Amino acid sequence: MRHRNSGVKLGRTSSHRKAMFQNLANSLFEHELIKTTVPKAKELRRVAEPLITLAKNDTVANRRLAFARTRSAATVGKLFTVLGPRYKERNGGYLRVLKAGFRAGDAAPMAYVELVDREVKTSAE
């Protein structure tokens, strides 16, 4: 029985999963839009959204917690100076998962993960 077992294993060891989601979260915060598989995208929400919630209250303790989870000073800087203030009035729901067809090699369902309210650059700029 799988009662009260949350999260997906994605065919990886726990250390591999932890490192993978840490890297995905860092990429998402850096680029604000990434493309990955649908199961990874859905699980990434459980990692990234609490970090943005943490960044809404800029304290030394929160910065240290964020650094412990991301291990990237650049990511922590962007979280607390750009993303935290951007989502100050929003209560959750910071990410959007958009389905993006299937990967050519193995037909894996793909998705874009983007930050809501990000500034979209048009081709005219």
PDB file of N, CA and C in Angstrom:
ATOM      1  N   MET A   1       0.840  -1.187   0.000  1.00  0.00           N
ATOM      2  CA  MET A   1       0.000   0.000   0.000  1.00  0.00           C
ATOM      3  C   MET A   1       0.880   1.245   0.000  1.00  0.00           C
ATOM      4  N   ARG A   2       0.414   2.267  -0.677  1.00  0.00           N
ATOM      5  CA  ARG A   2       1.197   3.498  -0.741  1.00  0.00           C
ATOM      6  C   ARG A   2       0.507   4.638   0.007  1.00  0.00           C
ATOM      7  N   HIS A   3      -0.171   4.317   1.073  1.00  0.00           N
ATOM      8  CA  HIS A   3      -0.861   5.346   1.828  1.00  0.00           C
ATOM      9  C   HIS A   3       0.123   6.363   2.389  1.00  0.00           C
ATOM     10  N   ARG A   4      -0.226   7.629   2.241  1.00  0.00           N
ATOM     11  CA  ARG A   4       0.554   8.761   2.781  1.00  0.00           C
ATOM     12  C   ARG A   4       1.976   8.847   2.242  1.00  0.00           C
ATOM     13  N   ASN A   5       2.231   8.266   1.089  1.00  0.00           N
ATOM     14  CA  ASN A   5       3.528   8.414   0.427  1.00  0.00           C
ATOM     15  C   ASN A   5       3.381   9.484  -0.642  1.00  0.00           C
ATOM     16  N   SER A   6       3.974  10.645  -0.407  1.00  0.00           N
ATOM     17  CA  SER A   6       3.837  11.718  -1.387  1.00  0.00           C
ATOM     18  C   SER A   6       5.113  11.825  -2.211  1.00  0.00           C
ATOM     19  N   GLY A   7       4.993  12.422  -3.377  1.00  0.00           N
ATOM     20  CA  GLY A   7       6.147  12.609  -4.253  1.00  0.00           C
ATOM     21  C   GLY A   7       6.318  11.442  -5.208  1.00  0.00           C
ATOM     22  N   VAL A   8       7.086  11.677  -6.246  1.00  0.00           N
ATOM     23  CA  VAL A   8       7.373  10.652  -7.227  1.00  0.00           C
ATOM     24  C   VAL A   8       8.863  10.342  -7.205  1.00  0.00           C
ATOM     25  N   LYS A   9       9.216   9.088  -7.433  1.00  0.00           N
ATOM     26  CA  LYS A   9      10.617   8.691  -7.375  1.00  0.00           C
ATOM     27  C   LYS A   9      11.346   8.946  -8.685  1.00  0.00           C
ATOM     28  N   LEU A  10      10.632   8.910  -9.803  1.00  0.00           N
ATOM     29  CA  LEU A  10      11.205   9.185 -11.121  1.00  0.00           C
ATOM     30  C   LEU A  10      12.373   8.256 -11.468  1.00  0.00           C
ATOM     31  N   GLY A  11      12.398   7.074 -10.901  1.00  0.00           N
ATOM     32  CA  GLY A  11      13.423   6.092 -11.234  1.00  0.00           C
ATOM     33  C   GLY A  11      14.825   6.509 -10.841  1.00  0.00           C
ATOM     34  N   ARG A  12      14.949   7.300  -9.776  1.00  0.00           N
ATOM     35  CA  ARG A  12      16.257   7.798  -9.348  1.00  0.00           C
ATOM     36  C   ARG A  12      16.430   7.570  -7.850  1.00  0.00           C
ATOM     37  N   THR A  13      17.691   7.551  -7.417  1.00  0.00           N
ATOM     38  CA  THR A  13      17.951   7.465  -5.987  1.00  0.00           C
ATOM     39  C   THR A  13      17.578   8.794  -5.334  1.00  0.00           C
ATOM     40  N   SER A  14      17.446   8.801  -4.024  1.00  0.00           N
ATOM     41  CA  SER A  14      17.022  10.025  -3.342  1.00  0.00           C
ATOM     42  C   SER A  14      18.043  11.143  -3.514  1.00  0.00           C
ATOM     43  N   SER A  15      19.336  10.807  -3.503  1.00  0.00           N
ATOM     44  CA  SER A  15      20.353  11.846  -3.678  1.00  0.00           C
ATOM     45  C   SER A  15      20.326  12.411  -5.098  1.00  0.00           C
ATOM     46  N   HIS A  16      20.078  11.535  -6.087  1.00  0.00           N
ATOM     47  CA  HIS A  16      19.994  11.991  -7.480  1.00  0.00           C
ATOM     48  C   HIS A  16      18.780  12.892  -7.657  1.00  0.00           C
ATOM     49  N   ARG A  17      17.644  12.491  -7.072  1.00  0.00           N
ATOM     50  CA  ARG A  17      16.426  13.304  -7.146  1.00  0.00           C
ATOM     51  C   ARG A  17      16.649  14.665  -6.516  1.00  0.00           C
ATOM     52  N   LYS A  18      17.270  14.689  -5.351  1.00  0.00           N
ATOM     53  CA  LYS A  18      17.514  15.951  -4.651  1.00  0.00           C
ATOM     54  C   LYS A  18      18.389  16.873  -5.491  1.00  0.00           C
ATOM     55  N   ALA A  19      19.469  16.338  -6.053  1.00  0.00           N
ATOM     56  CA  ALA A  19      20.373  17.137  -6.878  1.00  0.00           C
ATOM     57  C   ALA A  19      19.675  17.620  -8.146  1.00  0.00           C
ATOM     58  N   MET A  20      18.867  16.747  -8.770  1.00  0.00           N
ATOM     59  CA  MET A  20      18.182  17.099 -10.008  1.00  0.00           C
ATOM     60  C   MET A  20      17.200  18.253  -9.778  1.00  0.00           C
ATOM     61  N   PHE A  21      16.408  18.178  -8.710  1.00  0.00           N
ATOM     62  CA  PHE A  21      15.434  19.235  -8.458  1.00  0.00           C
ATOM     63  C   PHE A  21      16.108  20.522  -7.995  1.00  0.00           C
ATOM     64  N   GLN A  22      17.239  20.397  -7.325  1.00  0.00           N
ATOM     65  CA  GLN A  22      18.017  21.586  -6.961  1.00  0.00           C
ATOM     66  C   GLN A  22      18.492  22.288  -8.232  1.00  0.00           C
ATOM     67  N   ASN A  23      19.004  21.516  -9.197  1.00  0.00           N
ATOM     68  CA  ASN A  23      19.471  22.092 -10.463  1.00  0.00           C
ATOM     69  C   ASN A  23      18.320  22.654 -11.283  1.00  0.00           C
ATOM     70  N   LEU A  24      17.193  21.936 -11.328  1.00  0.00           N
ATOM     71  CA  LEU A  24      16.035  22.438 -12.066  1.00  0.00           C
ATOM     72  C   LEU A  24      15.530  23.747 -11.464  1.00  0.00           C
ATOM     73  N   ALA A  25      15.471  23.815 -10.144  1.00  0.00           N
ATOM     74  CA  ALA A  25      15.002  25.037  -9.481  1.00  0.00           C
ATOM     75  C   ALA A  25      15.952  26.202  -9.761  1.00  0.00           C
ATOM     76  N   ASN A  26      17.262  25.943  -9.696  1.00  0.00           N
ATOM     77  CA  ASN A  26      18.232  27.001  -9.990  1.00  0.00           C
ATOM     78  C   ASN A  26      18.070  27.502 -11.419  1.00  0.00           C
ATOM     79  N   SER A  27      17.878  26.578 -12.361  1.00  0.00           N
ATOM     80  CA  SER A  27      17.692  26.977 -13.768  1.00  0.00           C
ATOM     81  C   SER A  27      16.404  27.770 -13.945  1.00  0.00           C
ATOM     82  N   LEU A  28      15.356  27.329 -13.273  1.00  0.00           N
ATOM     83  CA  LEU A  28      14.078  28.036 -13.371  1.00  0.00           C
ATOM     84  C   LEU A  28      14.195  29.457 -12.842  1.00  0.00           C
ATOM     85  N   PHE A  29      14.837  29.630 -11.696  1.00  0.00           N
ATOM     86  CA  PHE A  29      14.963  30.972 -11.122  1.00  0.00           C
ATOM     87  C   PHE A  29      15.884  31.849 -11.961  1.00  0.00           C
ATOM     88  N   GLU A  30      16.876  31.252 -12.600  1.00  0.00           N
ATOM     89  CA  GLU A  30      17.798  32.032 -13.431  1.00  0.00           C
ATOM     90  C   GLU A  30      17.129  32.468 -14.728  1.00  0.00           C
ATOM     91  N   HIS A  31      16.466  31.527 -15.433  1.00  0.00           N
ATOM     92  CA  HIS A  31      15.921  31.813 -16.761  1.00  0.00           C
ATOM     93  C   HIS A  31      14.434  32.156 -16.754  1.00  0.00           C
ATOM     94  N   GLU A  32      13.729  31.817 -15.691  1.00  0.00           N
ATOM     95  CA  GLU A  32      12.295  32.052 -15.513  1.00  0.00           C
ATOM     96  C   GLU A  32      11.422  31.237 -16.462  1.00  0.00           C
ATOM     97  N   LEU A  33      12.003  30.411 -17.309  1.00  0.00           N
ATOM     98  CA  LEU A  33      11.263  29.506 -18.193  1.00  0.00           C
ATOM     99  C   LEU A  33      12.187  28.352 -18.542  1.00  0.00           C
ATOM    100  N   ILE A  34      11.748  27.124 -18.264  1.00  0.00           N
ATOM    101  CA  ILE A  34      12.542  25.949 -18.627  1.00  0.00           C
ATOM    102  C   ILE A  34      11.617  24.906 -19.254  1.00  0.00           C
ATOM    103  N   LYS A  35      12.207  23.989 -19.998  1.00  0.00           N
ATOM    104  CA  LYS A  35      11.456  22.910 -20.614  1.00  0.00           C
ATOM    105  C   LYS A  35      11.955  21.593 -20.031  1.00  0.00           C
ATOM    106  N   THR A  36      11.030  20.777 -19.543  1.00  0.00           N
ATOM    107  CA  THR A  36      11.380  19.494 -18.940  1.00  0.00           C
ATOM    108  C   THR A  36      10.214  18.535 -19.147  1.00  0.00           C
ATOM    109  N   THR A  37      10.321  17.334 -18.603  1.00  0.00           N
ATOM    110  CA  THR A  37       9.223  16.375 -18.745  1.00  0.00           C
ATOM    111  C   THR A  37       8.089  16.752 -17.792  1.00  0.00           C
ATOM    112  N   VAL A  38       6.890  16.297 -18.107  1.00  0.00           N
ATOM    113  CA  VAL A  38       5.713  16.653 -17.305  1.00  0.00           C
ATOM    114  C   VAL A  38       5.834  16.171 -15.854  1.00  0.00           C
ATOM    115  N   PRO A  39       6.242  14.909 -15.586  1.00  0.00           N
ATOM    116  CA  PRO A  39       6.351  14.509 -14.174  1.00  0.00           C
ATOM    117  C   PRO A  39       7.381  15.332 -13.390  1.00  0.00           C
ATOM    118  N   LYS A  40       8.504  15.669 -14.023  1.00  0.00           N
ATOM    119  CA  LYS A  40       9.501  16.499 -13.353  1.00  0.00           C
ATOM    120  C   LYS A  40       8.941  17.897 -13.106  1.00  0.00           C
ATOM    121  N   ALA A  41       8.201  18.426 -14.075  1.00  0.00           N
ATOM    122  CA  ALA A  41       7.631  19.765 -13.943  1.00  0.00           C
ATOM    123  C   ALA A  41       6.654  19.822 -12.779  1.00  0.00           C
ATOM    124  N   LYS A  42       5.813  18.805 -12.659  1.00  0.00           N
ATOM    125  CA  LYS A  42       4.825  18.800 -11.586  1.00  0.00           C
ATOM    126  C   LYS A  42       5.492  18.663 -10.221  1.00  0.00           C
ATOM    127  N   GLU A  43       6.528  17.867 -10.144  1.00  0.00           N
ATOM    128  CA  GLU A  43       7.240  17.690  -8.878  1.00  0.00           C
ATOM    129  C   GLU A  43       8.099  18.912  -8.547  1.00  0.00           C
ATOM    130  N   LEU A  44       8.557  19.630  -9.568  1.00  0.00           N
ATOM    131  CA  LEU A  44       9.371  20.832  -9.349  1.00  0.00           C
ATOM    132  C   LEU A  44       8.590  21.895  -8.590  1.00  0.00           C
ATOM    133  N   ARG A  45       7.279  21.919  -8.784  1.00  0.00           N
ATOM    134  CA  ARG A  45       6.463  22.892  -8.050  1.00  0.00           C
ATOM    135  C   ARG A  45       6.632  22.735  -6.544  1.00  0.00           C
ATOM    136  N   ARG A  46       6.765  21.491  -6.075  1.00  0.00           N
ATOM    137  CA  ARG A  46       6.902  21.222  -4.641  1.00  0.00           C
ATOM    138  C   ARG A  46       8.234  21.712  -4.093  1.00  0.00           C
ATOM    139  N   VAL A  47       9.217  21.918  -4.964  1.00  0.00           N
ATOM    140  CA  VAL A  47      10.531  22.408  -4.536  1.00  0.00           C
ATOM    141  C   VAL A  47      10.603  23.926  -4.674  1.00  0.00           C
ATOM    142  N   ALA A  48      10.142  24.457  -5.798  1.00  0.00           N
ATOM    143  CA  ALA A  48      10.357  25.868  -6.127  1.00  0.00           C
ATOM    144  C   ALA A  48       9.393  26.817  -5.419  1.00  0.00           C
ATOM    145  N   GLU A  49       8.132  26.447  -5.304  1.00  0.00           N
ATOM    146  CA  GLU A  49       7.158  27.379  -4.730  1.00  0.00           C
ATOM    147  C   GLU A  49       7.455  27.729  -3.277  1.00  0.00           C
ATOM    148  N   PRO A  50       7.844  26.764  -2.413  1.00  0.00           N
ATOM    149  CA  PRO A  50       8.197  27.156  -1.044  1.00  0.00           C
ATOM    150  C   PRO A  50       9.407  28.091  -0.978  1.00  0.00           C
ATOM    151  N   LEU A  51      10.330  27.984  -1.928  1.00  0.00           N
ATOM    152  CA  LEU A  51      11.481  28.885  -1.944  1.00  0.00           C
ATOM    153  C   LEU A  51      11.053  30.320  -2.235  1.00  0.00           C
ATOM    154  N   ILE A  52      10.093  30.487  -3.138  1.00  0.00           N
ATOM    155  CA  ILE A  52       9.602  31.833  -3.441  1.00  0.00           C
ATOM    156  C   ILE A  52       8.844  32.385  -2.236  1.00  0.00           C
ATOM    157  N   THR A  53       8.063  31.544  -1.571  1.00  0.00           N
ATOM    158  CA  THR A  53       7.357  31.976  -0.365  1.00  0.00           C
ATOM    159  C   THR A  53       8.351  32.415   0.700  1.00  0.00           C
ATOM    160  N   LEU A  54       9.442  31.681   0.828  1.00  0.00           N
ATOM    161  CA  LEU A  54      10.504  32.028   1.775  1.00  0.00           C
ATOM    162  C   LEU A  54      11.112  33.387   1.427  1.00  0.00           C
ATOM    163  N   ALA A  55      11.254  33.659   0.136  1.00  0.00           N
ATOM    164  CA  ALA A  55      11.908  34.888  -0.326  1.00  0.00           C
ATOM    165  C   ALA A  55      11.038  36.123  -0.141  1.00  0.00           C
ATOM    166  N   LYS A  56       9.772  35.955   0.180  1.00  0.00           N
ATOM    167  CA  LYS A  56       8.905  37.106   0.379  1.00  0.00           C
ATOM    168  C   LYS A  56       9.242  37.855   1.666  1.00  0.00           C
ATOM    169  N   ASN A  57       9.904  37.175   2.600  1.00  0.00           N
ATOM    170  CA  ASN A  57      10.304  37.792   3.864  1.00  0.00           C
ATOM    171  C   ASN A  57      11.828  37.761   3.934  1.00  0.00           C
ATOM    172  N   ASP A  58      12.467  38.882   3.627  1.00  0.00           N
ATOM    173  CA  ASP A  58      13.928  38.940   3.503  1.00  0.00           C
ATOM    174  C   ASP A  58      14.585  39.064   4.876  1.00  0.00           C
ATOM    175  N   THR A  59      14.989  37.916   5.424  1.00  0.00           N
ATOM    176  CA  THR A  59      15.743  37.904   6.675  1.00  0.00           C
ATOM    177  C   THR A  59      17.007  37.085   6.456  1.00  0.00           C
ATOM    178  N   VAL A  60      17.969  37.241   7.343  1.00  0.00           N
ATOM    179  CA  VAL A  60      19.209  36.478   7.237  1.00  0.00           C
ATOM    180  C   VAL A  60      18.905  34.984   7.358  1.00  0.00           C
ATOM    181  N   ALA A  61      18.014  34.633   8.276  1.00  0.00           N
ATOM    182  CA  ALA A  61      17.665  33.220   8.471  1.00  0.00           C
ATOM    183  C   ALA A  61      17.046  32.634   7.207  1.00  0.00           C
ATOM    184  N   ASN A  62      16.151  33.386   6.567  1.00  0.00           N
ATOM    185  CA  ASN A  62      15.521  32.892   5.345  1.00  0.00           C
ATOM    186  C   ASN A  62      16.527  32.774   4.205  1.00  0.00           C
ATOM    187  N   ARG A  63      17.455  33.708   4.121  1.00  0.00           N
ATOM    188  CA  ARG A  63      18.496  33.621   3.095  1.00  0.00           C
ATOM    189  C   ARG A  63      19.348  32.367   3.312  1.00  0.00           C
ATOM    190  N   ARG A  64      19.664  32.065   4.559  1.00  0.00           N
ATOM    191  CA  ARG A  64      20.465  30.874   4.850  1.00  0.00           C
ATOM    192  C   ARG A  64      19.701  29.601   4.526  1.00  0.00           C
ATOM    193  N   LEU A  65      18.405  29.575   4.826  1.00  0.00           N
ATOM    194  CA  LEU A  65      17.578  28.414   4.475  1.00  0.00           C
ATOM    195  C   LEU A  65      17.535  28.230   2.960  1.00  0.00           C
ATOM    196  N   ALA A  66      17.353  29.333   2.231  1.00  0.00           N
ATOM    197  CA  ALA A  66      17.308  29.265   0.768  1.00  0.00           C
ATOM    198  C   ALA A  66      18.641  28.787   0.209  1.00  0.00           C
ATOM    199  N   PHE A  67      19.745  29.271   0.775  1.00  0.00           N
ATOM    200  CA  PHE A  67      21.056  28.836   0.292  1.00  0.00           C
ATOM    201  C   PHE A  67      21.280  27.357   0.589  1.00  0.00           C
ATOM    202  N   ALA A  68      20.810  26.890   1.735  1.00  0.00           N
ATOM    203  CA  ALA A  68      20.953  25.474   2.083  1.00  0.00           C
ATOM    204  C   ALA A  68      20.216  24.596   1.081  1.00  0.00           C
ATOM    205  N   ARG A  69      19.114  25.113   0.521  1.00  0.00           N
ATOM    206  CA  ARG A  69      18.325  24.309  -0.417  1.00  0.00           C
ATOM    207  C   ARG A  69      18.771  24.463  -1.862  1.00  0.00           C
ATOM    208  N   THR A  70      19.385  25.593  -2.217  1.00  0.00           N
ATOM    209  CA  THR A  70      19.779  25.799  -3.618  1.00  0.00           C
ATOM    210  C   THR A  70      21.279  25.700  -3.836  1.00  0.00           C
ATOM    211  N   ARG A  71      22.076  26.017  -2.830  1.00  0.00           N
ATOM    212  CA  ARG A  71      23.541  26.018  -2.918  1.00  0.00           C
ATOM    213  C   ARG A  71      24.049  26.955  -4.016  1.00  0.00           C
ATOM    214  N   SER A  72      23.353  28.056  -4.245  1.00  0.00           N
ATOM    215  CA  SER A  72      23.756  29.014  -5.270  1.00  0.00           C
ATOM    216  C   SER A  72      23.514  30.430  -4.754  1.00  0.00           C
ATOM    217  N   ALA A  73      24.603  31.182  -4.583  1.00  0.00           N
ATOM    218  CA  ALA A  73      24.480  32.552  -4.083  1.00  0.00           C
ATOM    219  C   ALA A  73      23.746  33.440  -5.082  1.00  0.00           C
ATOM    220  N   ALA A  74      23.962  33.202  -6.372  1.00  0.00           N
ATOM    221  CA  ALA A  74      23.285  34.002  -7.401  1.00  0.00           C
ATOM    222  C   ALA A  74      21.776  33.774  -7.359  1.00  0.00           C
ATOM    223  N   THR A  75      21.374  32.525  -7.181  1.00  0.00           N
ATOM    224  CA  THR A  75      19.946  32.210  -7.104  1.00  0.00           C
ATOM    225  C   THR A  75      19.316  32.858  -5.883  1.00  0.00           C
ATOM    226  N   VAL A  76      19.999  32.773  -4.748  1.00  0.00           N
ATOM    227  CA  VAL A  76      19.475  33.370  -3.518  1.00  0.00           C
ATOM    228  C   VAL A  76      19.345  34.877  -3.687  1.00  0.00           C
ATOM    229  N   GLY A  77      20.337  35.496  -4.317  1.00  0.00           N
ATOM    230  CA  GLY A  77      20.267  36.933  -4.561  1.00  0.00           C
ATOM    231  C   GLY A  77      19.068  37.310  -5.396  1.00  0.00           C
ATOM    232  N   LYS A  78      18.827  36.568  -6.476  1.00  0.00           N
ATOM    233  CA  LYS A  78      17.685  36.875  -7.333  1.00  0.00           C
ATOM    234  C   LYS A  78      16.370  36.597  -6.621  1.00  0.00           C
ATOM    235  N   LEU A  79      16.325  35.517  -5.859  1.00  0.00           N
ATOM    236  CA  LEU A  79      15.099  35.183  -5.125  1.00  0.00           C
ATOM    237  C   LEU A  79      14.680  36.339  -4.214  1.00  0.00           C
ATOM    238  N   PHE A  80      15.622  36.878  -3.458  1.00  0.00           N
ATOM    239  CA  PHE A  80      15.272  37.862  -2.445  1.00  0.00           C
ATOM    240  C   PHE A  80      15.203  39.292  -2.966  1.00  0.00           C
ATOM    241  N   THR A  81      15.868  39.593  -4.082  1.00  0.00           N
ATOM    242  CA  THR A  81      15.832  40.960  -4.588  1.00  0.00           C
ATOM    243  C   THR A  81      14.821  41.155  -5.712  1.00  0.00           C
ATOM    244  N   VAL A  82      14.560  40.106  -6.506  1.00  0.00           N
ATOM    245  CA  VAL A  82      13.661  40.237  -7.658  1.00  0.00           C
ATOM    246  C   VAL A  82      12.353  39.479  -7.443  1.00  0.00           C
ATOM    247  N   LEU A  83      12.459  38.178  -7.177  1.00  0.00           N
ATOM    248  CA  LEU A  83      11.263  37.342  -7.146  1.00  0.00           C
ATOM    249  C   LEU A  83      10.415  37.534  -5.893  1.00  0.00           C
ATOM    250  N   GLY A  84      11.046  37.664  -4.737  1.00  0.00           N
ATOM    251  CA  GLY A  84      10.283  37.869  -3.501  1.00  0.00           C
ATOM    252  C   GLY A  84       9.397  39.107  -3.568  1.00  0.00           C
ATOM    253  N   PRO A  85       9.962  40.279  -3.905  1.00  0.00           N
ATOM    254  CA  PRO A  85       9.116  41.473  -4.023  1.00  0.00           C
ATOM    255  C   PRO A  85       8.062  41.365  -5.133  1.00  0.00           C
ATOM    256  N   ARG A  86       8.395  40.656  -6.230  1.00  0.00           N
ATOM    257  CA  ARG A  86       7.437  40.521  -7.331  1.00  0.00           C
ATOM    258  C   ARG A  86       6.170  39.800  -6.888  1.00  0.00           C
ATOM    259  N   TYR A  87       6.319  38.798  -6.021  1.00  0.00           N
ATOM    260  CA  TYR A  87       5.181  37.975  -5.613  1.00  0.00           C
ATOM    261  C   TYR A  87       4.698  38.299  -4.203  1.00  0.00           C
ATOM    262  N   LYS A  88       5.006  39.491  -3.707  1.00  0.00           N
ATOM    263  CA  LYS A  88       4.650  39.874  -2.340  1.00  0.00           C
ATOM    264  C   LYS A  88       3.143  39.764  -2.088  1.00  0.00           C
ATOM    265  N   GLU A  89       2.347  40.127  -3.083  1.00  0.00           N
ATOM    266  CA  GLU A  89       0.884  40.130  -2.901  1.00  0.00           C
ATOM    267  C   GLU A  89       0.220  38.834  -3.358  1.00  0.00           C
ATOM    268  N   ARG A  90       0.969  37.893  -3.892  1.00  0.00           N
ATOM    269  CA  ARG A  90       0.379  36.644  -4.412  1.00  0.00           C
ATOM    270  C   ARG A  90       0.540  35.544  -3.362  1.00  0.00           C
ATOM    271  N   ASN A  91      -0.551  34.846  -3.074  1.00  0.00           N
ATOM    272  CA  ASN A  91      -0.523  33.767  -2.088  1.00  0.00           C
ATOM    273  C   ASN A  91      -0.393  32.419  -2.784  1.00  0.00           C
ATOM    274  N   GLY A  92       0.814  32.077  -3.211  1.00  0.00           N
ATOM    275  CA  GLY A  92       1.039  30.787  -3.859  1.00  0.00           C
ATOM    276  C   GLY A  92       0.711  30.837  -5.338  1.00  0.00           C
ATOM    277  N   GLY A  93       0.937  29.713  -6.019  1.00  0.00           N
ATOM    278  CA  GLY A  93       0.663  29.640  -7.451  1.00  0.00           C
ATOM    279  C   GLY A  93       1.631  30.474  -8.258  1.00  0.00           C
ATOM    280  N   TYR A  94       2.922  30.364  -7.943  1.00  0.00           N
ATOM    281  CA  TYR A  94       3.930  31.189  -8.624  1.00  0.00           C
ATOM    282  C   TYR A  94       4.390  30.576  -9.938  1.00  0.00           C
ATOM    283  N   LEU A  95       4.125  29.288 -10.162  1.00  0.00           N
ATOM    284  CA  LEU A  95       4.601  28.603 -11.364  1.00  0.00           C
ATOM    285  C   LEU A  95       3.434  28.211 -12.246  1.00  0.00           C
ATOM    286  N   ARG A  96       3.711  28.159 -13.546  1.00  0.00           N
ATOM    287  CA  ARG A  96       2.729  27.696 -14.527  1.00  0.00           C
ATOM    288  C   ARG A  96       3.371  26.554 -15.291  1.00  0.00           C
ATOM    289  N   VAL A  97       2.650  25.446 -15.434  1.00  0.00           N
ATOM    290  CA  VAL A  97       3.132  24.291 -16.196  1.00  0.00           C
ATOM    291  C   VAL A  97       2.289  24.199 -17.460  1.00  0.00           C
ATOM    292  N   LEU A  98       2.946  24.351 -18.619  1.00  0.00           N
ATOM    293  CA  LEU A  98       2.262  24.302 -19.908  1.00  0.00           C
ATOM    294  C   LEU A  98       2.737  23.074 -20.673  1.00  0.00           C
ATOM    295  N   LYS A  99       1.820  22.230 -21.103  1.00  0.00           N
ATOM    296  CA  LYS A  99       2.205  21.043 -21.855  1.00  0.00           C
ATOM    297  C   LYS A  99       2.771  21.472 -23.213  1.00  0.00           C
ATOM    298  N   ALA A 100       3.821  20.751 -23.657  1.00  0.00           N
ATOM    299  CA  ALA A 100       4.541  21.179 -24.858  1.00  0.00           C
ATOM    300  C   ALA A 100       4.820  20.012 -25.795  1.00  0.00           C
ATOM    301  N   GLY A 101       3.861  19.124 -25.976  1.00  0.00           N
ATOM    302  CA  GLY A 101       4.038  18.035 -26.926  1.00  0.00           C
ATOM    303  C   GLY A 101       4.896  16.912 -26.385  1.00  0.00           C
ATOM    304  N   PHE A 102       5.538  16.193 -27.301  1.00  0.00           N
ATOM    305  CA  PHE A 102       6.300  15.002 -26.940  1.00  0.00           C
ATOM    306  C   PHE A 102       7.717  15.107 -27.476  1.00  0.00           C
ATOM    307  N   ARG A 103       8.669  14.559 -26.726  1.00  0.00           N
ATOM    308  CA  ARG A 103      10.072  14.582 -27.124  1.00  0.00           C
ATOM    309  C   ARG A 103      10.278  13.636 -28.297  1.00  0.00           C
ATOM    310  N   ALA A 104      11.128  14.026 -29.234  1.00  0.00           N
ATOM    311  CA  ALA A 104      11.318  13.251 -30.462  1.00  0.00           C
ATOM    312  C   ALA A 104      11.947  11.882 -30.187  1.00  0.00           C
ATOM    313  N   GLY A 105      12.925  11.816 -29.302  1.00  0.00           N
ATOM    314  CA  GLY A 105      13.675  10.579 -29.104  1.00  0.00           C
ATOM    315  C   GLY A 105      12.886   9.456 -28.482  1.00  0.00           C
ATOM    316  N   ASP A 106      12.121   9.764 -27.418  1.00  0.00           N
ATOM    317  CA  ASP A 106      11.436   8.698 -26.688  1.00  0.00           C
ATOM    318  C   ASP A 106       9.958   8.978 -26.450  1.00  0.00           C
ATOM    319  N   ALA A 107       9.421  10.004 -27.076  1.00  0.00           N
ATOM    320  CA  ALA A 107       8.008  10.365 -26.975  1.00  0.00           C
ATOM    321  C   ALA A 107       7.587  10.678 -25.540  1.00  0.00           C
ATOM    322  N   ALA A 108       8.518  11.166 -24.736  1.00  0.00           N
ATOM    323  CA  ALA A 108       8.177  11.562 -23.369  1.00  0.00           C
ATOM    324  C   ALA A 108       7.378  12.861 -23.415  1.00  0.00           C
ATOM    325  N   PRO A 109       6.307  12.959 -22.629  1.00  0.00           N
ATOM    326  CA  PRO A 109       5.528  14.206 -22.618  1.00  0.00           C
ATOM    327  C   PRO A 109       6.348  15.334 -22.005  1.00  0.00           C
ATOM    328  N   MET A 110       6.440  16.446 -22.719  1.00  0.00           N
ATOM    329  CA  MET A 110       7.258  17.580 -22.293  1.00  0.00           C
ATOM    330  C   MET A 110       6.362  18.730 -21.822  1.00  0.00           C
ATOM    331  N   ALA A 111       6.950  19.617 -21.029  1.00  0.00           N
ATOM    332  CA  ALA A 111       6.205  20.764 -20.522  1.00  0.00           C
ATOM    333  C   ALA A 111       7.161  21.933 -20.306  1.00  0.00           C
ATOM    334  N   TYR A 112       6.610  23.131 -20.443  1.00  0.00           N
ATOM    335  CA  TYR A 112       7.330  24.342 -20.063  1.00  0.00           C
ATOM    336  C   TYR A 112       6.910  24.695 -18.644  1.00  0.00           C
ATOM    337  N   VAL A 113       7.882  25.049 -17.828  1.00  0.00           N
ATOM    338  CA  VAL A 113       7.601  25.567 -16.489  1.00  0.00           C
ATOM    339  C   VAL A 113       8.046  27.011 -16.491  1.00  0.00           C
ATOM    340  N   GLU A 114       7.124  27.913 -16.170  1.00  0.00           N
ATOM    341  CA  GLU A 114       7.482  29.327 -16.162  1.00  0.00           C
ATOM    342  C   GLU A 114       6.963  29.992 -14.907  1.00  0.00           C
ATOM    343  N   LEU A 115       7.618  31.076 -14.553  1.00  0.00           N
ATOM    344  CA  LEU A 115       7.155  31.877 -13.435  1.00  0.00           C
ATOM    345  C   LEU A 115       6.002  32.749 -13.912  1.00  0.00           C
ATOM    346  N   VAL A 116       4.936  32.794 -13.140  1.00  0.00           N
ATOM    347  CA  VAL A 116       3.787  33.629 -13.463  1.00  0.00           C
ATOM    348  C   VAL A 116       4.218  35.088 -13.353  1.00  0.00           C
ATOM    349  N   ASP A 117       3.663  35.946 -14.164  1.00  0.00           N
ATOM    350  CA  ASP A 117       3.954  37.389 -14.170  1.00  0.00           C
ATOM    351  C   ASP A 117       5.391  37.713 -14.564  1.00  0.00           C
ATOM    352  N   ARG A 118       6.049  36.826 -15.295  1.00  0.00           N
ATOM    353  CA  ARG A 118       7.399  37.157 -15.741  1.00  0.00           C
ATOM    354  C   ARG A 118       7.303  38.129 -16.912  1.00  0.00           C
ATOM    355  N   GLU A 119       8.362  38.891 -17.124  1.00  0.00           N
ATOM    356  CA  GLU A 119       8.366  39.851 -18.219  1.00  0.00           C
ATOM    357  C   GLU A 119       8.721  39.120 -19.502  1.00  0.00           C
ATOM    358  N   VAL A 120       7.801  39.120 -20.446  1.00  0.00           N
ATOM    359  CA  VAL A 120       8.005  38.412 -21.706  1.00  0.00           C
ATOM    360  C   VAL A 120       8.661  39.357 -22.700  1.00  0.00           C
ATOM    361  N   LYS A 121       9.774  38.903 -23.285  1.00  0.00           N
ATOM    362  CA  LYS A 121      10.462  39.704 -24.293  1.00  0.00           C
ATOM    363  C   LYS A 121       9.928  39.308 -25.661  1.00  0.00           C
ATOM    364  N   THR A 122       9.456  40.290 -26.411  1.00  0.00           N
ATOM    365  CA  THR A 122       8.960  40.007 -27.748  1.00  0.00           C
ATOM    366  C   THR A 122      10.104  40.097 -28.739  1.00  0.00           C
ATOM    367  N   SER A 123       9.891  39.593 -29.947  1.00  0.00           N
ATOM    368  CA  SER A 123      10.957  39.592 -30.947  1.00  0.00           C
ATOM    369  C   SER A 123      11.269  41.001 -31.455  1.00  0.00           C
ATOM    370  N   ALA A 124      10.356  41.949 -31.288  1.00  0.00           N
ATOM    371  CA  ALA A 124      10.568  43.314 -31.759  1.00  0.00           C
ATOM    372  C   ALA A 124      11.563  44.071 -30.884  1.00  0.00           C
ATOM    373  N   GLU A 125      11.746  43.598 -29.629  1.00  0.00           N
ATOM    374  CA  GLU A 125      12.647  44.327 -28.716  1.00  0.00           C
ATOM    375  C   GLU A 125      14.091  44.052 -28.998  1.00  0.00           C
TER     376      GLU A 125
END
